[in-house]
Amino acid sequence: MGVCASTPSQGVRVGPAVFITDDEEEPEWLDVGLVNAFDDPPEPYPDEESASAAGDLRPPNGWRHSLPNYGIYTPVQWGNPIPCGVFDWASKRSACCCCLLPCARAAVHTFAPRASTGLETVDVLSPDWVARMGEHLASDTTCPIDLDGWWWADGDVLHGGDLLTLHDADWSSDGRSARQPAWASRMRANTCLGLCTTASALLSGSNEEYTFDAGRTRAYVAPGRRWLFRLHQHEWRVVEFADPFGATNAVAAMWRLRRVLTATRKASTGKVEITRLPALAEYLARARAVAPHPTPTVVELCCGSCGAPIYGCGIGPAERLDNAVVPVNPRAHVMLRRR
């Protein structure tokens, strides 16, 4: 594909029918005077917490007051070192168990359903992937426009997946619920862990179900104990509670869903217009970033009976967590769902 240079206001044309622009609008949290994007919006009016206002979608009682640090974005899961963190297994650039990569890739290919586009390898530092993912967003969908696009799970360490979209989900007619296979339309690191996570989702046949309130300002995700709270049109706060409903309000994890790409197809010309949102620049910066704690020389340990070395032994679990959170793997894989 060719890329033609242009001014920021004009955008960038990638190929004959794809036009990419940058969204230069300031995020809404600036309009309400917040110090930074990690802070919650001002407290809601008292009746927002009432049962009548929340309707049939309501998080555990007192959820707002149970959030650590008075509701300021605090990823509590980062306070505990990764289990078995002496081994580099959770990092999105991990070479751990690299001897199993061919087997994991073969498993994904074998169990890929006909409803998928098959396993695709993506290099997020190449301009081609923006056009490819954007063109997919321009396909027919029933997803509400305010939820469509590619979203970055920023801060999520162990759930698997860097980018996801609900574009391919099965939506209810009122736009308040969506159901999607766990393997579908989720970009994961091209590592053994990432491929095994995709293979496991294929084998289990599990689905994720999203239920939104009437204004699509909060949502519950099943199975699990995850709640989504909307900060503004391009960002959600994800809170995972320790118990489903009310037994305790302890927070087990917290991360952010940040929209990085949207796309539309013009009916008059058939051309795809892709908008790159501000969070995309940070996502790509993470893909270029070096690990904050360089790993020492390879320690020659056997990986099963294959004789492949396990990389990165020798730094502590806390440092390993930093390496798992900060860098994004430029190499990823994705399986898109056919509708």
C-alpha atoms as a PDB file:
ATOM      1  CA  MET A   1       0.000   0.000   0.000  1.00  0.00           C
ATOM      2  CA  GLY A   2       1.233   3.498  -0.729  1.00  0.00           C
ATOM      3  CA  VAL A   3       1.152   6.313   1.820  1.00  0.00           C
ATOM      4  CA  CYS A   4       0.810   9.898   0.610  1.00  0.00           C
ATOM      5  CA  ALA A   5       2.070  12.711   2.826  1.00  0.00           C
ATOM      6  CA  SER A   6      -0.392  15.410   3.795  1.00  0.00           C
ATOM      7  CA  THR A   7      -1.006  18.033   6.423  1.00  0.00           C
ATOM      8  CA  PRO A   8      -2.607  16.982   9.763  1.00  0.00           C
ATOM      9  CA  SER A   9      -5.878  18.653   8.822  1.00  0.00           C
ATOM     10  CA  GLN A  10      -6.005  16.739   5.570  1.00  0.00           C
ATOM     11  CA  GLY A  11      -5.165  13.337   7.003  1.00  0.00           C
ATOM     12  CA  VAL A  12      -3.265  10.503   5.364  1.00  0.00           C
ATOM     13  CA  ARG A  13      -4.486   8.412   2.470  1.00  0.00           C
ATOM     14  CA  VAL A  14      -3.509   4.732   2.725  1.00  0.00           C
ATOM     15  CA  GLY A  15      -4.380   2.901  -0.464  1.00  0.00           C
ATOM     16  CA  PRO A  16      -7.032   3.995  -2.934  1.00  0.00           C
ATOM     17  CA  ALA A  17     -10.029   3.776  -0.620  1.00  0.00           C
ATOM     18  CA  VAL A  18      -8.751   4.366   2.920  1.00  0.00           C
ATOM     19  CA  PHE A  19      -8.362   7.859   4.368  1.00  0.00           C
ATOM     20  CA  ILE A  20      -6.883   8.253   7.872  1.00  0.00           C
ATOM     21  CA  THR A  21      -7.303  11.373   9.975  1.00  0.00           C
ATOM     22  CA  ASP A  22      -6.215  12.375  13.457  1.00  0.00           C
ATOM     23  CA  ASP A  23      -8.815  13.394  16.008  1.00  0.00           C
ATOM     24  CA  GLU A  24      -7.417  16.602  17.474  1.00  0.00           C
ATOM     25  CA  GLU A  25     -10.331  17.298  19.791  1.00  0.00           C
ATOM     26  CA  GLU A  26      -9.433  17.689  23.438  1.00  0.00           C
ATOM     27  CA  PRO A  27     -10.756  14.929  25.696  1.00  0.00           C
ATOM     28  CA  GLU A  28     -13.819  15.819  27.744  1.00  0.00           C
ATOM     29  CA  TRP A  29     -11.999  15.489  31.053  1.00  0.00           C
ATOM     30  CA  LEU A  30     -10.174  18.753  30.206  1.00  0.00           C
ATOM     31  CA  ASP A  31     -13.495  20.562  29.907  1.00  0.00           C
ATOM     32  CA  VAL A  32     -14.444  19.718  33.490  1.00  0.00           C
ATOM     33  CA  GLY A  33     -11.106  20.860  34.862  1.00  0.00           C
ATOM     34  CA  LEU A  34      -9.603  17.562  35.942  1.00  0.00           C
ATOM     35  CA  VAL A  35      -5.908  17.453  36.736  1.00  0.00           C
ATOM     36  CA  ASN A  36      -5.249  14.480  34.491  1.00  0.00           C
ATOM     37  CA  ALA A  37      -6.951  11.654  32.653  1.00  0.00           C
ATOM     38  CA  PHE A  38      -6.591   9.284  35.598  1.00  0.00           C
ATOM     39  CA  ASP A  39      -9.078  11.140  37.807  1.00  0.00           C
ATOM     40  CA  ASP A  40     -12.763  10.370  37.946  1.00  0.00           C
ATOM     41  CA  PRO A  41     -15.297  13.025  36.879  1.00  0.00           C
ATOM     42  CA  PRO A  42     -16.917  15.066  39.659  1.00  0.00           C
ATOM     43  CA  GLU A  43     -19.167  13.209  42.068  1.00  0.00           C
ATOM     44  CA  PRO A  44     -22.595  12.393  40.610  1.00  0.00           C
ATOM     45  CA  TYR A  45     -25.806  13.847  41.899  1.00  0.00           C
ATOM     46  CA  PRO A  46     -27.083  11.843  44.906  1.00  0.00           C
ATOM     47  CA  ASP A  47     -29.989  10.301  43.013  1.00  0.00           C
ATOM     48  CA  GLU A  48     -27.632   8.675  40.473  1.00  0.00           C
ATOM     49  CA  GLU A  49     -26.950   5.962  43.040  1.00  0.00           C
ATOM     50  CA  SER A  50     -30.639   5.296  43.647  1.00  0.00           C
ATOM     51  CA  ALA A  51     -32.168   2.071  42.407  1.00  0.00           C
ATOM     52  CA  SER A  52     -34.606   3.969  40.222  1.00  0.00           C
ATOM     53  CA  ALA A  53     -31.801   5.821  38.467  1.00  0.00           C
ATOM     54  CA  ALA A  54     -29.660   2.732  37.994  1.00  0.00           C
ATOM     55  CA  GLY A  55     -32.562   0.604  36.819  1.00  0.00           C
ATOM     56  CA  ASP A  56     -31.872  -3.115  36.635  1.00  0.00           C
ATOM     57  CA  LEU A  57     -28.134  -2.584  36.209  1.00  0.00           C
ATOM     58  CA  ARG A  58     -26.476  -1.790  39.514  1.00  0.00           C
ATOM     59  CA  PRO A  59     -22.961  -2.463  40.854  1.00  0.00           C
ATOM     60  CA  PRO A  60     -22.379  -3.617  44.454  1.00  0.00           C
ATOM     61  CA  ASN A  61     -23.667  -1.270  47.144  1.00  0.00           C
ATOM     62  CA  GLY A  62     -21.215   1.488  47.958  1.00  0.00           C
ATOM     63  CA  TRP A  63     -19.020   0.702  44.971  1.00  0.00           C
ATOM     64  CA  ARG A  64     -17.836   4.303  44.604  1.00  0.00           C
ATOM     65  CA  HIS A  65     -16.635   4.493  48.191  1.00  0.00           C
ATOM     66  CA  SER A  66     -14.917   1.121  47.961  1.00  0.00           C
ATOM     67  CA  LEU A  67     -12.599   2.247  45.165  1.00  0.00           C
ATOM     68  CA  PRO A  68      -9.047   2.739  46.427  1.00  0.00           C
ATOM     69  CA  ASN A  69      -7.575   6.220  46.742  1.00  0.00           C
ATOM     70  CA  TYR A  70     -10.986   7.935  46.740  1.00  0.00           C
ATOM     71  CA  GLY A  71     -11.857   6.766  43.243  1.00  0.00           C
ATOM     72  CA  ILE A  72      -8.687   8.000  41.555  1.00  0.00           C
ATOM     73  CA  TYR A  73      -7.434   5.492  39.003  1.00  0.00           C
ATOM     74  CA  THR A  74      -5.459   2.970  41.043  1.00  0.00           C
ATOM     75  CA  PRO A  75      -4.632  -0.376  39.394  1.00  0.00           C
ATOM     76  CA  VAL A  76      -4.582  -2.370  42.625  1.00  0.00           C
ATOM     77  CA  GLN A  77      -3.434  -5.500  40.796  1.00  0.00           C
ATOM     78  CA  TRP A  78      -0.048  -3.825  40.322  1.00  0.00           C
ATOM     79  CA  GLY A  79       0.468  -3.763  44.079  1.00  0.00           C
ATOM     80  CA  ASN A  80       1.064  -7.507  44.158  1.00  0.00           C
ATOM     81  CA  PRO A  81       3.950  -9.112  42.275  1.00  0.00           C
ATOM     82  CA  ILE A  82       3.039 -11.514  39.492  1.00  0.00           C
ATOM     83  CA  PRO A  83       2.958 -15.151  40.682  1.00  0.00           C
ATOM     84  CA  CYS A  84       6.128 -17.008  39.717  1.00  0.00           C
ATOM     85  CA  GLY A  85       7.404 -13.612  38.609  1.00  0.00           C
ATOM     86  CA  VAL A  86      11.006 -14.755  38.541  1.00  0.00           C
ATOM     87  CA  PHE A  87      10.148 -16.266  35.157  1.00  0.00           C
ATOM     88  CA  ASP A  88       9.244 -14.011  32.247  1.00  0.00           C
ATOM     89  CA  TRP A  89       5.881 -15.618  31.500  1.00  0.00           C
ATOM     90  CA  ALA A  90       3.423 -12.708  31.770  1.00  0.00           C
ATOM     91  CA  SER A  91       5.251 -10.052  29.772  1.00  0.00           C
ATOM     92  CA  LYS A  92       3.714  -9.250  26.403  1.00  0.00           C
ATOM     93  CA  ARG A  93       7.182  -9.627  24.900  1.00  0.00           C
ATOM     94  CA  SER A  94       7.967 -12.862  26.719  1.00  0.00           C
ATOM     95  CA  ALA A  95      10.011 -15.525  24.958  1.00  0.00           C
ATOM     96  CA  CYS A  96       9.139 -18.010  27.698  1.00  0.00           C
ATOM     97  CA  CYS A  97       8.159 -21.419  26.324  1.00  0.00           C
ATOM     98  CA  CYS A  98       9.044 -20.272  22.817  1.00  0.00           C
ATOM     99  CA  CYS A  99       9.521 -23.935  21.943  1.00  0.00           C
ATOM    100  CA  LEU A 100       5.729 -24.309  22.177  1.00  0.00           C
ATOM    101  CA  LEU A 101       4.957 -21.494  19.719  1.00  0.00           C
ATOM    102  CA  PRO A 102       4.559 -23.787  16.677  1.00  0.00           C
ATOM    103  CA  CYS A 103       2.204 -26.048  18.645  1.00  0.00           C
ATOM    104  CA  ALA A 104       0.135 -23.118  19.923  1.00  0.00           C
ATOM    105  CA  ARG A 105      -0.105 -21.609  16.448  1.00  0.00           C
ATOM    106  CA  ALA A 106      -1.106 -24.950  14.957  1.00  0.00           C
ATOM    107  CA  ALA A 107      -3.795 -25.367  17.639  1.00  0.00           C
ATOM    108  CA  VAL A 108      -5.292 -21.962  16.830  1.00  0.00           C
ATOM    109  CA  HIS A 109      -5.296 -22.747  13.102  1.00  0.00           C
ATOM    110  CA  THR A 110      -6.872 -26.157  13.744  1.00  0.00           C
ATOM    111  CA  PHE A 111      -9.710 -24.921  15.927  1.00  0.00           C
ATOM    112  CA  ALA A 112     -10.389 -21.649  14.093  1.00  0.00           C
ATOM    113  CA  PRO A 113     -14.118 -21.655  13.276  1.00  0.00           C
ATOM    114  CA  ARG A 114     -15.498 -20.958   9.832  1.00  0.00           C
ATOM    115  CA  ALA A 115     -17.020 -17.802  11.254  1.00  0.00           C
ATOM    116  CA  SER A 116     -13.535 -16.302  11.626  1.00  0.00           C
ATOM    117  CA  THR A 117     -11.128 -14.742   9.166  1.00  0.00           C
ATOM    118  CA  GLY A 118      -8.411 -17.054  10.472  1.00  0.00           C
ATOM    119  CA  LEU A 119      -5.288 -16.176  12.395  1.00  0.00           C
ATOM    120  CA  GLU A 120      -3.648 -12.952  11.234  1.00  0.00           C
ATOM    121  CA  THR A 121      -0.249 -11.680  12.374  1.00  0.00           C
ATOM    122  CA  VAL A 122      -0.078  -7.933  12.922  1.00  0.00           C
ATOM    123  CA  ASP A 123       2.836  -5.498  13.234  1.00  0.00           C
ATOM    124  CA  VAL A 124       1.426  -2.453  15.025  1.00  0.00           C
ATOM    125  CA  LEU A 125       4.429  -0.323  14.025  1.00  0.00           C
ATOM    126  CA  SER A 126       3.491  -0.724  10.366  1.00  0.00           C
ATOM    127  CA  PRO A 127       0.936   1.710   8.887  1.00  0.00           C
ATOM    128  CA  ASP A 128      -0.765  -1.199   7.145  1.00  0.00           C
ATOM    129  CA  TRP A 129      -2.371  -2.520  10.325  1.00  0.00           C
ATOM    130  CA  VAL A 130      -4.293   0.733  10.903  1.00  0.00           C
ATOM    131  CA  ALA A 131      -5.796   0.464   7.433  1.00  0.00           C
ATOM    132  CA  ARG A 132      -6.576  -3.254   7.888  1.00  0.00           C
ATOM    133  CA  MET A 133      -8.283  -2.837  11.271  1.00  0.00           C
ATOM    134  CA  GLY A 134     -10.055   0.304  10.088  1.00  0.00           C
ATOM    135  CA  GLU A 135     -11.449  -1.382   7.004  1.00  0.00           C
ATOM    136  CA  HIS A 136     -12.871  -4.082   9.243  1.00  0.00           C
ATOM    137  CA  LEU A 137     -14.662  -1.419  11.296  1.00  0.00           C
ATOM    138  CA  ALA A 138     -16.269  -0.145   8.083  1.00  0.00           C
ATOM    139  CA  SER A 139     -18.053  -3.468   7.536  1.00  0.00           C
ATOM    140  CA  ASP A 140     -21.742  -3.867   8.380  1.00  0.00           C
ATOM    141  CA  THR A 141     -22.508  -3.895  12.096  1.00  0.00           C
ATOM    142  CA  THR A 142     -25.296  -3.386  14.614  1.00  0.00           C
ATOM    143  CA  CYS A 143     -22.892  -1.971  17.210  1.00  0.00           C
ATOM    144  CA  PRO A 144     -23.940   1.472  18.509  1.00  0.00           C
ATOM    145  CA  ILE A 145     -21.651   4.155  17.114  1.00  0.00           C
ATOM    146  CA  ASP A 146     -20.576   5.358  20.571  1.00  0.00           C
ATOM    147  CA  LEU A 147     -19.223   1.870  21.364  1.00  0.00           C
ATOM    148  CA  ASP A 148     -17.783   0.983  17.976  1.00  0.00           C
ATOM    149  CA  GLY A 149     -14.054   1.050  17.293  1.00  0.00           C
ATOM    150  CA  TRP A 150     -10.878  -0.586  18.614  1.00  0.00           C
ATOM    151  CA  TRP A 151     -10.358  -0.236  22.359  1.00  0.00           C
ATOM    152  CA  TRP A 152      -7.047  -0.572  24.216  1.00  0.00           C
ATOM    153  CA  ALA A 153      -7.130  -2.508  27.511  1.00  0.00           C
ATOM    154  CA  ASP A 154      -4.555  -0.234  29.136  1.00  0.00           C
ATOM    155  CA  GLY A 155      -3.274  -1.680  32.396  1.00  0.00           C
ATOM    156  CA  ASP A 156      -4.823  -5.129  32.041  1.00  0.00           C
ATOM    157  CA  VAL A 157      -2.051  -7.635  32.668  1.00  0.00           C
ATOM    158  CA  LEU A 158      -3.439 -11.149  32.941  1.00  0.00           C
ATOM    159  CA  HIS A 159      -6.827 -11.139  31.168  1.00  0.00           C
ATOM    160  CA  GLY A 160      -5.220 -11.341  27.765  1.00  0.00           C
ATOM    161  CA  GLY A 161      -5.555  -9.003  24.847  1.00  0.00           C
ATOM    162  CA  ASP A 162      -4.247  -5.539  24.058  1.00  0.00           C
ATOM    163  CA  LEU A 163      -6.984  -4.334  21.707  1.00  0.00           C
ATOM    164  CA  LEU A 164     -10.596  -5.435  21.373  1.00  0.00           C
ATOM    165  CA  THR A 165     -13.706  -4.413  19.494  1.00  0.00           C
ATOM    166  CA  LEU A 166     -17.428  -5.047  19.909  1.00  0.00           C
ATOM    167  CA  HIS A 167     -17.995  -4.326  16.227  1.00  0.00           C
ATOM    168  CA  ASP A 168     -18.606  -8.032  15.509  1.00  0.00           C
ATOM    169  CA  ALA A 169     -20.738  -8.806  18.558  1.00  0.00           C
ATOM    170  CA  ASP A 170     -24.385  -9.868  18.430  1.00  0.00           C
ATOM    171  CA  TRP A 171     -26.281  -6.809  19.673  1.00  0.00           C
ATOM    172  CA  SER A 172     -29.798  -6.528  20.976  1.00  0.00           C
ATOM    173  CA  SER A 173     -32.182  -4.268  19.077  1.00  0.00           C
ATOM    174  CA  ASP A 174     -32.067  -1.607  21.831  1.00  0.00           C
ATOM    175  CA  GLY A 175     -28.253  -1.543  21.909  1.00  0.00           C
ATOM    176  CA  ARG A 176     -28.103  -2.458  25.601  1.00  0.00           C
ATOM    177  CA  SER A 177     -26.599  -5.932  25.408  1.00  0.00           C
ATOM    178  CA  ALA A 178     -23.950  -7.656  23.329  1.00  0.00           C
ATOM    179  CA  ARG A 179     -22.647 -11.202  23.109  1.00  0.00           C
ATOM    180  CA  GLN A 180     -19.349 -12.224  21.526  1.00  0.00           C
ATOM    181  CA  PRO A 181     -17.102 -15.322  21.558  1.00  0.00           C
ATOM    182  CA  ALA A 182     -14.066 -14.856  23.806  1.00  0.00           C
ATOM    183  CA  TRP A 183     -11.680 -15.555  20.921  1.00  0.00           C
ATOM    184  CA  ALA A 184     -13.211 -13.041  18.539  1.00  0.00           C
ATOM    185  CA  SER A 185     -11.860  -9.679  17.453  1.00  0.00           C
ATOM    186  CA  ARG A 186      -9.293  -9.394  20.195  1.00  0.00           C
ATOM    187  CA  MET A 187      -5.677  -8.560  19.437  1.00  0.00           C
ATOM    188  CA  ARG A 188      -3.223 -10.434  21.647  1.00  0.00           C
ATOM    189  CA  ALA A 189       0.560 -10.497  21.878  1.00  0.00           C
ATOM    190  CA  ASN A 190       2.215 -12.892  19.466  1.00  0.00           C
ATOM    191  CA  THR A 191       3.755 -14.940  22.283  1.00  0.00           C
ATOM    192  CA  CYS A 192       3.174 -18.435  23.575  1.00  0.00           C
ATOM    193  CA  LEU A 193       0.907 -17.098  26.326  1.00  0.00           C
ATOM    194  CA  GLY A 194      -1.098 -14.990  23.871  1.00  0.00           C
ATOM    195  CA  LEU A 195      -1.569 -17.842  21.398  1.00  0.00           C
ATOM    196  CA  CYS A 196      -2.423 -20.328  24.154  1.00  0.00           C
ATOM    197  CA  THR A 197      -5.017 -17.881  25.525  1.00  0.00           C
ATOM    198  CA  THR A 198      -6.647 -17.670  22.095  1.00  0.00           C
ATOM    199  CA  ALA A 199      -6.519 -21.462  21.696  1.00  0.00           C
ATOM    200  CA  SER A 200      -8.079 -21.910  25.147  1.00  0.00           C
ATOM    201  CA  ALA A 201     -10.914 -19.522  24.252  1.00  0.00           C
ATOM    202  CA  LEU A 202     -11.556 -21.488  21.061  1.00  0.00           C
ATOM    203  CA  LEU A 203     -11.614 -24.839  22.861  1.00  0.00           C
ATOM    204  CA  SER A 204     -13.849 -23.643  25.690  1.00  0.00           C
ATOM    205  CA  GLY A 205     -16.386 -22.014  23.385  1.00  0.00           C
ATOM    206  CA  SER A 206     -16.942 -19.366  26.035  1.00  0.00           C
ATOM    207  CA  ASN A 207     -18.676 -16.054  25.354  1.00  0.00           C
ATOM    208  CA  GLU A 208     -18.510 -12.607  26.879  1.00  0.00           C
ATOM    209  CA  GLU A 209     -21.800 -10.836  27.482  1.00  0.00           C
ATOM    210  CA  TYR A 210     -22.070  -7.085  28.034  1.00  0.00           C
ATOM    211  CA  THR A 211     -25.135  -5.507  29.608  1.00  0.00           C
ATOM    212  CA  PHE A 212     -25.367  -1.703  29.515  1.00  0.00           C
ATOM    213  CA  ASP A 213     -27.634   0.717  31.329  1.00  0.00           C
ATOM    214  CA  ALA A 214     -30.068   2.895  29.368  1.00  0.00           C
ATOM    215  CA  GLY A 215     -27.549   5.693  28.857  1.00  0.00           C
ATOM    216  CA  ARG A 216     -24.615   3.323  28.220  1.00  0.00           C
ATOM    217  CA  THR A 217     -22.668   4.919  31.066  1.00  0.00           C
ATOM    218  CA  ARG A 218     -22.027   1.669  32.925  1.00  0.00           C
ATOM    219  CA  ALA A 219     -22.020  -2.011  32.055  1.00  0.00           C
ATOM    220  CA  TYR A 220     -21.650  -5.454  33.587  1.00  0.00           C
ATOM    221  CA  VAL A 221     -19.529  -8.096  31.862  1.00  0.00           C
ATOM    222  CA  ALA A 222     -20.334 -11.787  32.314  1.00  0.00           C
ATOM    223  CA  PRO A 223     -18.913 -14.213  33.177  1.00  0.00           C
ATOM    224  CA  GLY A 224     -16.918 -12.614  35.949  1.00  0.00           C
ATOM    225  CA  ARG A 225     -17.158  -9.661  38.282  1.00  0.00           C
ATOM    226  CA  ARG A 226     -16.239  -6.829  35.921  1.00  0.00           C
ATOM    227  CA  TRP A 227     -18.037  -3.504  35.791  1.00  0.00           C
ATOM    228  CA  LEU A 228     -17.422  -0.728  33.275  1.00  0.00           C
ATOM    229  CA  PHE A 229     -17.918   2.937  34.168  1.00  0.00           C
ATOM    230  CA  ARG A 230     -17.749   5.507  31.389  1.00  0.00           C
ATOM    231  CA  LEU A 231     -15.498   8.538  31.879  1.00  0.00           C
ATOM    232  CA  HIS A 232     -16.112  10.097  28.462  1.00  0.00           C
ATOM    233  CA  GLN A 233     -16.875   9.007  24.921  1.00  0.00           C
ATOM    234  CA  HIS A 234     -13.450   7.435  24.348  1.00  0.00           C
ATOM    235  CA  GLU A 235     -12.684   5.887  27.755  1.00  0.00           C
ATOM    236  CA  TRP A 236     -14.146   3.437  30.270  1.00  0.00           C
ATOM    237  CA  ARG A 237     -12.900   2.567  33.732  1.00  0.00           C
ATOM    238  CA  VAL A 238     -12.938  -1.224  34.263  1.00  0.00           C
ATOM    239  CA  VAL A 239     -13.304  -2.394  37.855  1.00  0.00           C
ATOM    240  CA  GLU A 240     -13.180  -6.050  38.824  1.00  0.00           C
ATOM    241  CA  PHE A 241     -14.644  -6.756  42.249  1.00  0.00           C
ATOM    242  CA  ALA A 242     -13.577  -9.638  44.445  1.00  0.00           C
ATOM    243  CA  ASP A 243     -17.167 -10.901  44.702  1.00  0.00           C
ATOM    244  CA  PRO A 244     -20.057 -10.694  42.239  1.00  0.00           C
ATOM    245  CA  PHE A 245     -22.705  -8.721  44.126  1.00  0.00           C
ATOM    246  CA  GLY A 246     -22.505  -7.264  47.567  1.00  0.00           C
ATOM    247  CA  ALA A 247     -20.691  -9.893  49.648  1.00  0.00           C
ATOM    248  CA  THR A 248     -17.728  -7.537  49.742  1.00  0.00           C
ATOM    249  CA  ASN A 249     -16.791  -4.455  47.785  1.00  0.00           C
ATOM    250  CA  ALA A 250     -13.091  -5.265  47.673  1.00  0.00           C
ATOM    251  CA  VAL A 251     -11.571  -4.346  44.319  1.00  0.00           C
ATOM    252  CA  ALA A 252      -9.435  -7.049  42.726  1.00  0.00           C
ATOM    253  CA  ALA A 253      -8.261  -5.130  39.647  1.00  0.00           C
ATOM    254  CA  MET A 254      -8.739  -1.876  37.771  1.00  0.00           C
ATOM    255  CA  TRP A 255      -7.749  -0.847  34.271  1.00  0.00           C
ATOM    256  CA  ARG A 256      -8.912   1.385  31.413  1.00  0.00           C
ATOM    257  CA  LEU A 257     -10.516   0.811  28.032  1.00  0.00           C
ATOM    258  CA  ARG A 258      -9.330   3.596  25.731  1.00  0.00           C
ATOM    259  CA  ARG A 259     -10.591   3.932  22.165  1.00  0.00           C
ATOM    260  CA  VAL A 260      -7.755   4.205  19.644  1.00  0.00           C
ATOM    261  CA  LEU A 261      -9.452   3.846  16.233  1.00  0.00           C
ATOM    262  CA  THR A 262     -12.828   4.476  14.635  1.00  0.00           C
ATOM    263  CA  ALA A 263     -13.845   4.196  10.999  1.00  0.00           C
ATOM    264  CA  THR A 264     -16.781   4.887   8.706  1.00  0.00           C
ATOM    265  CA  ARG A 265     -17.489   4.178   5.048  1.00  0.00           C
ATOM    266  CA  LYS A 266     -18.884   7.026   2.997  1.00  0.00           C
ATOM    267  CA  ALA A 267     -22.003   5.914   1.172  1.00  0.00           C
ATOM    268  CA  SER A 268     -21.392   8.323  -1.699  1.00  0.00           C
ATOM    269  CA  THR A 269     -17.849   7.183  -2.539  1.00  0.00           C
ATOM    270  CA  GLY A 270     -17.433   3.852  -0.731  1.00  0.00           C
ATOM    271  CA  LYS A 271     -14.160   5.097   0.763  1.00  0.00           C
ATOM    272  CA  VAL A 272     -13.200   4.225   4.334  1.00  0.00           C
ATOM    273  CA  GLU A 273     -12.370   7.148   6.630  1.00  0.00           C
ATOM    274  CA  ILE A 274     -10.333   6.101   9.663  1.00  0.00           C
ATOM    275  CA  THR A 275      -9.893   8.374  12.675  1.00  0.00           C
ATOM    276  CA  ARG A 276      -6.882   7.860  14.922  1.00  0.00           C
ATOM    277  CA  LEU A 277      -7.718   8.955  18.453  1.00  0.00           C
ATOM    278  CA  PRO A 278      -5.216  10.427  20.951  1.00  0.00           C
ATOM    279  CA  ALA A 279      -4.742   7.162  22.879  1.00  0.00           C
ATOM    280  CA  LEU A 280      -3.297   5.516  19.766  1.00  0.00           C
ATOM    281  CA  ALA A 281      -0.121   7.609  20.043  1.00  0.00           C
ATOM    282  CA  GLU A 282       0.487   6.327  23.575  1.00  0.00           C
ATOM    283  CA  TYR A 283      -0.264   2.765  22.539  1.00  0.00           C
ATOM    284  CA  LEU A 284       2.325   2.968  19.758  1.00  0.00           C
ATOM    285  CA  ALA A 285       4.808   4.620  22.120  1.00  0.00           C
ATOM    286  CA  ARG A 286       4.442   1.609  24.415  1.00  0.00           C
ATOM    287  CA  ALA A 287       5.127  -0.639  21.429  1.00  0.00           C
ATOM    288  CA  ARG A 288       8.389   1.229  20.813  1.00  0.00           C
ATOM    289  CA  ALA A 289       9.352   1.498  24.494  1.00  0.00           C
ATOM    290  CA  VAL A 290      12.092  -0.636  25.964  1.00  0.00           C
ATOM    291  CA  ALA A 291      11.387  -2.694  29.062  1.00  0.00           C
ATOM    292  CA  PRO A 292      11.998  -0.571  32.189  1.00  0.00           C
ATOM    293  CA  HIS A 293      14.064  -3.363  33.753  1.00  0.00           C
ATOM    294  CA  PRO A 294      16.379  -4.996  31.204  1.00  0.00           C
ATOM    295  CA  THR A 295      16.680  -8.710  31.754  1.00  0.00           C
ATOM    296  CA  PRO A 296      20.120 -10.221  32.348  1.00  0.00           C
ATOM    297  CA  THR A 297      21.854 -12.692  30.097  1.00  0.00           C
ATOM    298  CA  VAL A 298      19.816 -15.756  29.214  1.00  0.00           C
ATOM    299  CA  VAL A 299      19.860 -18.359  31.943  1.00  0.00           C
ATOM    300  CA  GLU A 300      20.137 -21.773  30.361  1.00  0.00           C
ATOM    301  CA  LEU A 301      17.199 -23.640  31.830  1.00  0.00           C
ATOM    302  CA  CYS A 302      15.335 -26.375  30.011  1.00  0.00           C
ATOM    303  CA  CYS A 303      11.812 -25.709  28.850  1.00  0.00           C
ATOM    304  CA  GLY A 304      10.240 -29.131  29.331  1.00  0.00           C
ATOM    305  CA  SER A 305      12.129 -31.682  27.299  1.00  0.00           C
ATOM    306  CA  CYS A 306      12.646 -29.404  24.304  1.00  0.00           C
ATOM    307  CA  GLY A 307      15.854 -27.855  25.545  1.00  0.00           C
ATOM    308  CA  ALA A 308      14.748 -24.309  24.740  1.00  0.00           C
ATOM    309  CA  PRO A 309      16.002 -21.656  27.190  1.00  0.00           C
ATOM    310  CA  ILE A 310      13.671 -19.672  29.440  1.00  0.00           C
ATOM    311  CA  TYR A 311      14.546 -16.011  28.992  1.00  0.00           C
ATOM    312  CA  GLY A 312      14.811 -13.300  31.569  1.00  0.00           C
ATOM    313  CA  CYS A 313      15.348 -15.136  34.857  1.00  0.00           C
ATOM    314  CA  GLY A 314      17.156 -13.085  37.456  1.00  0.00           C
ATOM    315  CA  ILE A 315      15.075  -9.948  38.116  1.00  0.00           C
ATOM    316  CA  GLY A 316      12.543  -9.739  40.912  1.00  0.00           C
ATOM    317  CA  PRO A 317       8.767 -10.268  40.676  1.00  0.00           C
ATOM    318  CA  ALA A 318       8.043  -6.552  41.207  1.00  0.00           C
ATOM    319  CA  GLU A 319      10.344  -5.555  38.346  1.00  0.00           C
ATOM    320  CA  ARG A 320       8.794  -8.304  36.246  1.00  0.00           C
ATOM    321  CA  LEU A 321       5.397  -6.675  36.826  1.00  0.00           C
ATOM    322  CA  ASP A 322       6.735  -3.366  35.492  1.00  0.00           C
ATOM    323  CA  ASN A 323       7.939  -5.154  32.373  1.00  0.00           C
ATOM    324  CA  ALA A 324       4.508  -6.750  31.946  1.00  0.00           C
ATOM    325  CA  VAL A 325       2.602  -3.470  32.282  1.00  0.00           C
ATOM    326  CA  VAL A 326       4.637  -0.872  30.392  1.00  0.00           C
ATOM    327  CA  PRO A 327       5.735  -2.326  27.032  1.00  0.00           C
ATOM    328  CA  VAL A 328       3.351  -3.471  24.323  1.00  0.00           C
ATOM    329  CA  ASN A 329       4.468  -6.208  21.955  1.00  0.00           C
ATOM    330  CA  PRO A 330       4.709  -4.746  18.425  1.00  0.00           C
ATOM    331  CA  ARG A 331       3.941  -8.220  17.112  1.00  0.00           C
ATOM    332  CA  ALA A 332       0.399  -9.402  17.723  1.00  0.00           C
ATOM    333  CA  HIS A 333      -2.215 -11.769  16.363  1.00  0.00           C
ATOM    334  CA  VAL A 334      -5.938 -11.370  15.834  1.00  0.00           C
ATOM    335  CA  MET A 335      -8.896 -13.451  14.650  1.00  0.00           C
ATOM    336  CA  LEU A 336     -11.732 -11.365  13.281  1.00  0.00           C
ATOM    337  CA  ARG A 337     -15.283 -12.646  13.300  1.00  0.00           C
ATOM    338  CA  ARG A 338     -17.234 -12.851  10.076  1.00  0.00           C
ATOM    339  CA  ARG A 339     -20.770 -11.552  10.322  1.00  0.00           C
END
